[in-house]
Amino acid sequence: MKLITFAVDGTAHVGALLPGETSLSDFTAASGAAHFADMLALIDGGEPALDAARALVARPAVERSLDGVRLLAPVPVPRQMYDCLTFEKHLMQARANRHLVVGEVGAAPLSPLSPVFKERPVYYKPNRFSVVGTGTEVICPRYSEWFDYELEFGVFLSRSGKDLSVDEAADRIFGYCIFNDFSARDQQYREMPAMLGPSKGKDFDTGNAMGPWLVTKDEIPDDQTLTMTTRINGEVRSVGTSADMLHSFAEIIAYASVDETLHAGEFFASGTVGGGCGLEHGERLRHGDLVDLEVSGLGRLVNRVVIAAEA
C-alpha cells in the first residue's frame, strides 16, 4: 500500500492511494478505530491495523480525489529520526567542492577518508519537529547564503527492539519514503570544525521534507535496486542508485539498536546518493527553485524554495 497523511478541513486524516493513483481511501473518515487516528497509530496497530487498511483499499467506504486534498508528511512527527552517510560518491564529491562554500584558495589536499565510514553506519539525529510534506514551501534560514537539497530515502520501523541482529532488524522495516535533508551548507561548514553538529546547518523549520507517501515493505522487494533522480526546475541534475549504499537499512538499524531500545515509528534515512545535492555540482538553490526528488516505487517529493533575500 501507499499510505498517506492528508488534511481535510484542517484535520489530519490517514488513508491510502487507490489503483490509478488519482483517488484515495480515507481510513479516518471511514472508521472510528483507534489505529486510524494517525499514521503512528496505524504503525503501532501492527498486522491487525494493516489488515483493516487493506480491506478499506479493496472496498473503500469513503473515497476522495487526490487533487482535492493537501498531502502532509506521511508521519508528520516521527518518534525519532536518524540520518546516515552511506554513499561514498556523495561524500567524496562534496568534500572536493567544500572550497566553493568556505572560500578557501589553494587549500591543502583533503585528508584520506576515515576507515570508520566504511566500518560502521554512523548517523546524526535530525530535528523530528521540522518535518514537512510534498508541496510545502521550504524556507531557507536567514543566516545561510548557500542553501542545498539532499536526495535520500528511508524506512520507518514497525515495532520496538534492542540488540537486534541484521535479520531481526530487516523484519522491523514497516515501509519506505523519500527524504530531502535540506542543508545550510555555509553554516554547516562553520560548525563542523568544532567536532559536533551539524547543529544549525541542518536544524531549522521546514528543513526535513518527507513524502509523498509511505510505501509498505511488501511493495519494495529489493531496496538496493532503486533508481534515485533529482530534478531542479524540471531539469534532471542527477541519477543514482540505492545499490551504492555501503550499509543496508537492516545493518543500520541493527547498529543503532546496540544497547539502545528502538521504537516503532522511528525513521532511518540512507544519506545522500552520489550526485544528489547541489554542492556536488557546484550549485546552490535560488528563490523559487522547484526541487523534485524521485525514487523508483516511492513516488516524487516536490518542494519549492523560498529565500527571502532573493524574493
Protein backbone atom coordinates (compact mmCIF):
# COMPACT_ATOMS: atom_id res chain seq x y z
CA MET A 1 0.00 0.00 0.00
CA LYS A 2 0.91 3.64 -0.46
CA LEU A 3 -0.19 5.14 2.84
CA ILE A 4 -0.76 8.88 3.12
CA THR A 5 -1.49 11.56 5.68
CA PHE A 6 -3.59 14.42 4.34
CA ALA A 7 -5.58 17.40 5.57
CA VAL A 8 -9.38 17.62 5.44
CA ASP A 9 -10.84 20.90 6.76
CA GLY A 10 -7.70 21.47 8.79
CA THR A 11 -7.69 17.99 10.36
CA ALA A 12 -5.15 15.30 9.56
CA HIS A 13 -6.52 12.01 8.19
CA VAL A 14 -4.77 8.82 7.14
CA GLY A 15 -5.59 6.70 4.13
CA ALA A 16 -4.09 5.03 1.09
CA LEU A 17 -3.90 5.61 -2.64
CA LEU A 18 -6.26 3.58 -4.76
CA PRO A 19 -5.27 1.93 -8.07
CA GLY A 20 -4.58 4.57 -10.69
CA GLU A 21 -3.29 6.97 -8.00
CA THR A 22 -5.91 9.63 -8.71
CA SER A 23 -8.07 8.92 -5.66
CA LEU A 24 -7.67 7.67 -2.12
CA SER A 25 -9.46 5.69 0.55
CA ASP A 26 -9.97 7.81 3.69
CA PHE A 27 -9.44 5.44 6.61
CA THR A 28 -10.05 8.04 9.32
CA ALA A 29 -13.43 9.12 7.92
CA ALA A 30 -14.49 5.52 7.28
CA SER A 31 -13.71 4.06 10.68
CA GLY A 32 -13.54 5.17 14.28
CA ALA A 33 -10.86 2.57 15.01
CA ALA A 34 -8.04 3.91 17.18
CA HIS A 35 -5.42 2.67 14.73
CA PHE A 36 -6.66 5.16 12.12
CA ALA A 37 -6.21 8.21 14.37
CA ASP A 38 -2.86 8.96 12.69
CA MET A 39 -0.01 7.17 10.94
CA LEU A 40 1.85 6.34 14.13
CA ALA A 41 -1.29 4.68 15.48
CA LEU A 42 -1.57 2.67 12.27
CA ILE A 43 2.06 1.55 12.58
CA ASP A 44 1.55 0.69 16.25
CA GLY A 45 -1.52 -1.36 15.33
CA GLY A 46 0.62 -3.96 13.57
CA GLU A 47 -0.87 -6.59 11.29
CA PRO A 48 -4.48 -6.15 12.51
CA ALA A 49 -4.33 -2.45 11.56
CA LEU A 50 -2.74 -3.26 8.20
CA ASP A 51 -5.42 -5.90 7.51
CA ALA A 52 -8.13 -3.32 8.24
CA ALA A 53 -6.36 -0.85 5.95
CA ARG A 54 -6.12 -3.39 3.14
CA ALA A 55 -9.84 -4.07 3.46
CA LEU A 56 -10.59 -0.36 3.06
CA VAL A 57 -8.40 -0.23 -0.03
CA ALA A 58 -10.17 -3.24 -1.54
CA ARG A 59 -13.60 -1.76 -0.72
CA PRO A 60 -13.33 1.97 0.11
CA ALA A 61 -16.01 3.30 2.42
CA VAL A 62 -15.00 6.94 1.90
CA GLU A 63 -13.23 7.80 -1.36
CA ARG A 64 -11.71 11.20 -2.15
CA SER A 65 -9.97 12.70 -5.15
CA LEU A 66 -6.22 13.05 -4.61
CA ASP A 67 -6.39 16.52 -6.18
CA GLY A 68 -8.94 17.56 -3.57
CA VAL A 69 -6.74 17.07 -0.51
CA ARG A 70 -3.48 18.56 0.77
CA LEU A 71 -0.81 15.95 1.39
CA LEU A 72 1.16 16.19 4.61
CA ALA A 73 4.32 14.29 5.51
CA PRO A 74 3.35 10.61 5.84
CA VAL A 75 4.40 10.75 9.51
CA PRO A 76 4.21 14.45 10.43
CA VAL A 77 6.19 13.98 13.66
CA PRO A 78 8.29 10.80 13.65
CA ARG A 79 9.13 9.35 17.04
CA GLN A 80 12.81 9.80 16.24
CA MET A 81 14.96 10.40 13.16
CA TYR A 82 18.37 9.05 12.22
CA ASP A 83 20.27 10.22 9.14
CA CYS A 84 23.24 8.20 7.93
CA LEU A 85 26.12 8.64 5.49
CA THR A 86 26.18 5.52 3.32
CA PHE A 87 27.06 6.78 -0.18
CA GLU A 88 30.81 7.17 -0.72
CA LYS A 89 30.46 9.05 -4.02
CA HIS A 90 28.42 11.80 -2.33
CA LEU A 91 30.95 12.20 0.45
CA MET A 92 33.94 12.36 -1.91
CA GLN A 93 32.30 14.84 -4.31
CA ALA A 94 31.02 17.06 -1.50
CA ARG A 95 34.46 17.12 0.14
CA ALA A 96 36.07 18.00 -3.19
CA ASN A 97 33.75 21.02 -3.60
CA ARG A 98 33.85 22.20 0.00
CA HIS A 99 36.11 25.09 -1.00
CA LEU A 100 33.24 26.60 -3.01
CA VAL A 101 31.34 27.20 0.23
CA VAL A 102 34.12 28.16 2.63
CA GLY A 103 36.04 30.26 0.10
CA GLU A 104 39.41 28.59 0.59
CA VAL A 105 42.02 29.41 -2.05
CA GLY A 106 44.85 26.98 -2.66
CA ALA A 107 43.55 24.65 0.02
CA ALA A 108 45.70 21.72 1.05
CA PRO A 109 44.76 18.28 -0.29
CA LEU A 110 41.99 16.54 1.58
CA SER A 111 42.99 14.02 4.21
CA PRO A 112 42.28 10.35 3.46
CA LEU A 113 38.77 9.14 4.19
CA SER A 114 38.49 7.64 7.67
CA PRO A 115 38.02 3.86 7.63
CA VAL A 116 35.23 4.32 10.17
CA PHE A 117 32.98 5.48 7.33
CA LYS A 118 33.04 2.00 5.79
CA GLU A 119 33.24 0.07 9.05
CA ARG A 120 30.02 1.30 10.62
CA PRO A 121 26.90 3.27 9.61
CA VAL A 122 27.41 6.49 11.56
CA TYR A 123 24.48 8.89 11.86
CA TYR A 124 23.12 12.01 13.49
CA LYS A 125 19.61 12.69 14.75
CA PRO A 126 17.73 15.41 12.83
CA ASN A 127 15.01 17.59 14.30
CA ARG A 128 11.83 15.50 14.13
CA PHE A 129 9.67 18.58 14.68
CA SER A 130 10.74 20.30 11.43
CA VAL A 131 9.20 17.72 9.06
CA VAL A 132 7.07 18.88 6.11
CA GLY A 133 5.43 17.08 3.20
CA THR A 134 5.40 17.34 -0.56
CA GLY A 135 4.06 20.60 -1.98
CA THR A 136 5.19 22.58 1.07
CA GLU A 137 7.41 25.61 0.66
CA VAL A 138 10.81 25.18 2.29
CA ILE A 139 12.25 28.31 3.88
CA CYS A 140 15.98 28.97 3.72
CA PRO A 141 17.17 30.14 7.16
CA ARG A 142 18.17 33.81 7.32
CA TYR A 143 21.77 33.01 8.30
CA SER A 144 22.52 30.99 5.16
CA GLU A 145 23.71 32.08 1.72
CA TRP A 146 24.34 28.55 0.40
CA PHE A 147 21.12 26.52 0.60
CA ASP A 148 21.12 22.96 -0.65
CA TYR A 149 18.98 19.86 -1.15
CA GLU A 150 19.89 16.22 -0.49
CA LEU A 151 18.24 13.25 -2.22
CA GLU A 152 17.73 10.41 0.24
CA PHE A 153 15.17 7.78 1.13
CA GLY A 154 14.45 5.99 4.36
CA VAL A 155 12.48 3.48 6.38
CA PHE A 156 10.09 3.57 9.32
CA LEU A 157 10.24 0.87 11.99
CA SER A 158 7.24 -1.37 12.56
CA ARG A 159 7.96 -2.33 16.17
CA SER A 160 10.42 -1.91 19.00
CA GLY A 161 13.62 -3.82 19.57
CA LYS A 162 17.04 -3.79 21.21
CA ASP A 163 20.32 -5.53 20.36
CA LEU A 164 18.85 -6.69 17.06
CA SER A 165 20.54 -9.00 14.60
CA VAL A 166 20.60 -7.89 10.97
CA ASP A 167 17.80 -10.35 10.18
CA GLU A 168 15.72 -9.13 13.09
CA ALA A 169 16.29 -5.54 12.01
CA ALA A 170 15.18 -6.30 8.44
CA ASP A 171 11.98 -7.79 9.82
CA ARG A 172 11.20 -4.50 11.57
CA ILE A 173 11.04 -2.36 8.42
CA PHE A 174 7.47 -1.09 8.07
CA GLY A 175 7.85 0.91 4.86
CA TYR A 176 9.74 3.49 2.81
CA CYS A 177 9.52 7.14 1.79
CA ILE A 178 11.67 9.77 0.08
CA PHE A 179 13.58 12.21 2.27
CA ASN A 180 15.07 15.62 1.40
CA ASP A 181 17.58 16.71 4.01
CA PHE A 182 17.75 20.43 3.21
CA SER A 183 21.03 21.96 4.34
CA ALA A 184 22.50 25.38 5.10
CA ARG A 185 25.94 24.49 3.74
CA ASP A 186 27.82 27.59 4.84
CA GLN A 187 26.57 27.26 8.41
CA GLN A 188 27.29 23.51 8.36
CA TYR A 189 30.93 24.11 7.46
CA ARG A 190 31.27 26.84 10.10
CA GLU A 191 30.10 24.45 12.80
CA MET A 192 31.62 21.09 11.91
CA PRO A 193 35.23 22.02 12.80
CA ALA A 194 34.02 22.08 16.42
CA MET A 195 33.69 18.27 16.15
CA LEU A 196 29.98 18.39 16.94
CA GLY A 197 26.89 19.05 14.89
CA PRO A 198 25.61 19.58 12.24
CA SER A 199 23.52 21.87 14.50
CA LYS A 200 22.09 24.87 12.62
CA GLY A 201 23.47 23.57 9.36
CA LYS A 202 20.50 21.19 9.42
CA ASP A 203 18.13 22.31 12.17
CA PHE A 204 15.63 24.93 11.05
CA ASP A 205 11.89 24.95 10.38
CA THR A 206 10.80 23.08 7.20
CA GLY A 207 14.29 21.57 6.89
CA ASN A 208 13.20 17.92 6.66
CA ALA A 209 10.86 17.09 3.77
CA MET A 210 9.31 13.62 3.50
CA GLY A 211 6.84 12.01 1.18
CA PRO A 212 4.81 11.91 -0.85
CA TRP A 213 3.61 8.70 0.83
CA LEU A 214 4.77 5.80 2.96
CA VAL A 215 5.11 2.68 0.82
CA THR A 216 4.71 -0.55 2.76
CA LYS A 217 7.56 -3.02 2.73
CA ASP A 218 5.72 -5.61 0.64
CA GLU A 219 5.74 -3.25 -2.38
CA ILE A 220 9.55 -2.88 -2.38
CA PRO A 221 11.01 -6.38 -2.85
CA ASP A 222 14.63 -5.10 -3.00
CA ASP A 223 15.51 -1.67 -1.63
CA GLN A 224 19.04 -1.95 -3.07
CA THR A 225 17.89 -1.65 -6.69
CA LEU A 226 16.07 1.70 -6.68
CA THR A 227 16.80 4.49 -9.15
CA MET A 228 17.13 7.91 -7.50
CA THR A 229 16.62 11.01 -9.66
CA THR A 230 16.93 14.73 -8.93
CA ARG A 231 15.25 17.43 -11.00
CA ILE A 232 15.62 21.16 -10.41
CA ASN A 233 13.02 23.28 -12.20
CA GLY A 234 12.25 20.29 -14.40
CA GLU A 235 15.85 19.66 -15.44
CA VAL A 236 17.49 16.36 -14.49
CA ARG A 237 20.57 17.08 -12.35
CA SER A 238 21.48 13.58 -11.18
CA VAL A 239 20.56 9.92 -11.50
CA GLY A 240 21.86 7.48 -8.89
CA THR A 241 21.07 4.11 -7.40
CA SER A 242 20.46 2.72 -3.94
CA ALA A 243 22.77 -0.16 -4.93
CA ASP A 244 25.67 2.13 -3.96
CA MET A 245 24.76 2.11 -0.26
CA LEU A 246 27.70 0.79 1.77
CA HIS A 247 25.38 -0.29 4.60
CA SER A 248 21.89 -1.73 4.24
CA PHE A 249 18.97 -0.44 6.27
CA ALA A 250 18.98 -3.70 8.23
CA GLU A 251 22.65 -3.14 9.11
CA ILE A 252 21.95 0.48 10.07
CA ILE A 253 19.05 -0.48 12.34
CA ALA A 254 20.98 -3.32 13.95
CA TYR A 255 23.91 -0.99 14.68
CA ALA A 256 21.66 1.69 16.19
CA SER A 257 19.97 -0.90 18.41
CA VAL A 258 23.13 -1.91 20.28
CA ASP A 259 22.36 -1.27 23.97
CA GLU A 260 19.55 1.09 22.88
CA THR A 261 15.85 0.34 22.51
CA LEU A 262 14.44 1.44 19.17
CA HIS A 263 10.73 2.15 18.80
CA ALA A 264 8.01 1.74 16.21
CA GLY A 265 7.62 4.91 14.15
CA GLU A 266 11.30 5.85 14.22
CA PHE A 267 12.81 6.85 10.86
CA PHE A 268 16.20 5.91 9.37
CA ALA A 269 17.49 7.74 6.29
CA SER A 270 20.06 6.48 3.79
CA GLY A 271 22.15 9.61 3.47
CA THR A 272 22.57 11.41 0.15
CA VAL A 273 23.00 9.41 -3.03
CA GLY A 274 26.03 10.26 -5.15
CA GLY A 275 25.32 13.39 -7.19
CA GLY A 276 22.18 14.05 -5.18
CA CYS A 277 22.99 17.51 -3.83
CA GLY A 278 23.81 20.88 -5.32
CA LEU A 279 27.22 21.14 -3.69
CA GLU A 280 28.42 18.15 -5.71
CA HIS A 281 27.66 20.16 -8.86
CA GLY A 282 28.95 23.48 -7.53
CA GLU A 283 25.42 24.90 -7.35
CA ARG A 284 23.20 26.44 -4.70
CA LEU A 285 19.44 26.80 -4.54
CA ARG A 286 17.80 30.08 -5.53
CA HIS A 287 14.50 31.64 -4.62
CA GLY A 288 11.63 29.90 -6.38
CA ASP A 289 13.57 26.77 -7.36
CA LEU A 290 11.42 23.65 -7.60
CA VAL A 291 13.21 20.64 -6.11
CA ASP A 292 11.77 17.38 -7.43
CA LEU A 293 13.15 14.13 -6.00
CA GLU A 294 12.08 10.77 -7.39
CA VAL A 295 12.85 7.26 -6.18
CA SER A 296 11.51 4.33 -8.19
CA GLY A 297 8.50 2.82 -6.49
CA LEU A 298 8.30 5.60 -3.91
CA GLY A 299 6.90 8.49 -5.97
CA ARG A 300 8.09 12.09 -6.21
CA LEU A 301 8.73 14.56 -3.42
CA VAL A 302 8.40 18.16 -4.67
CA ASN A 303 9.13 21.35 -2.72
CA ARG A 304 9.60 24.98 -3.73
CA VAL A 305 12.40 27.00 -2.12
CA VAL A 306 11.79 30.40 -0.52
CA ILE A 307 14.80 32.63 0.08
CA ALA A 308 13.63 35.98 1.42
CA ALA A 309 16.74 37.89 0.36
CA GLU A 310 16.22 36.81 -3.27
CA ALA A 311 12.43 37.24 -3.38
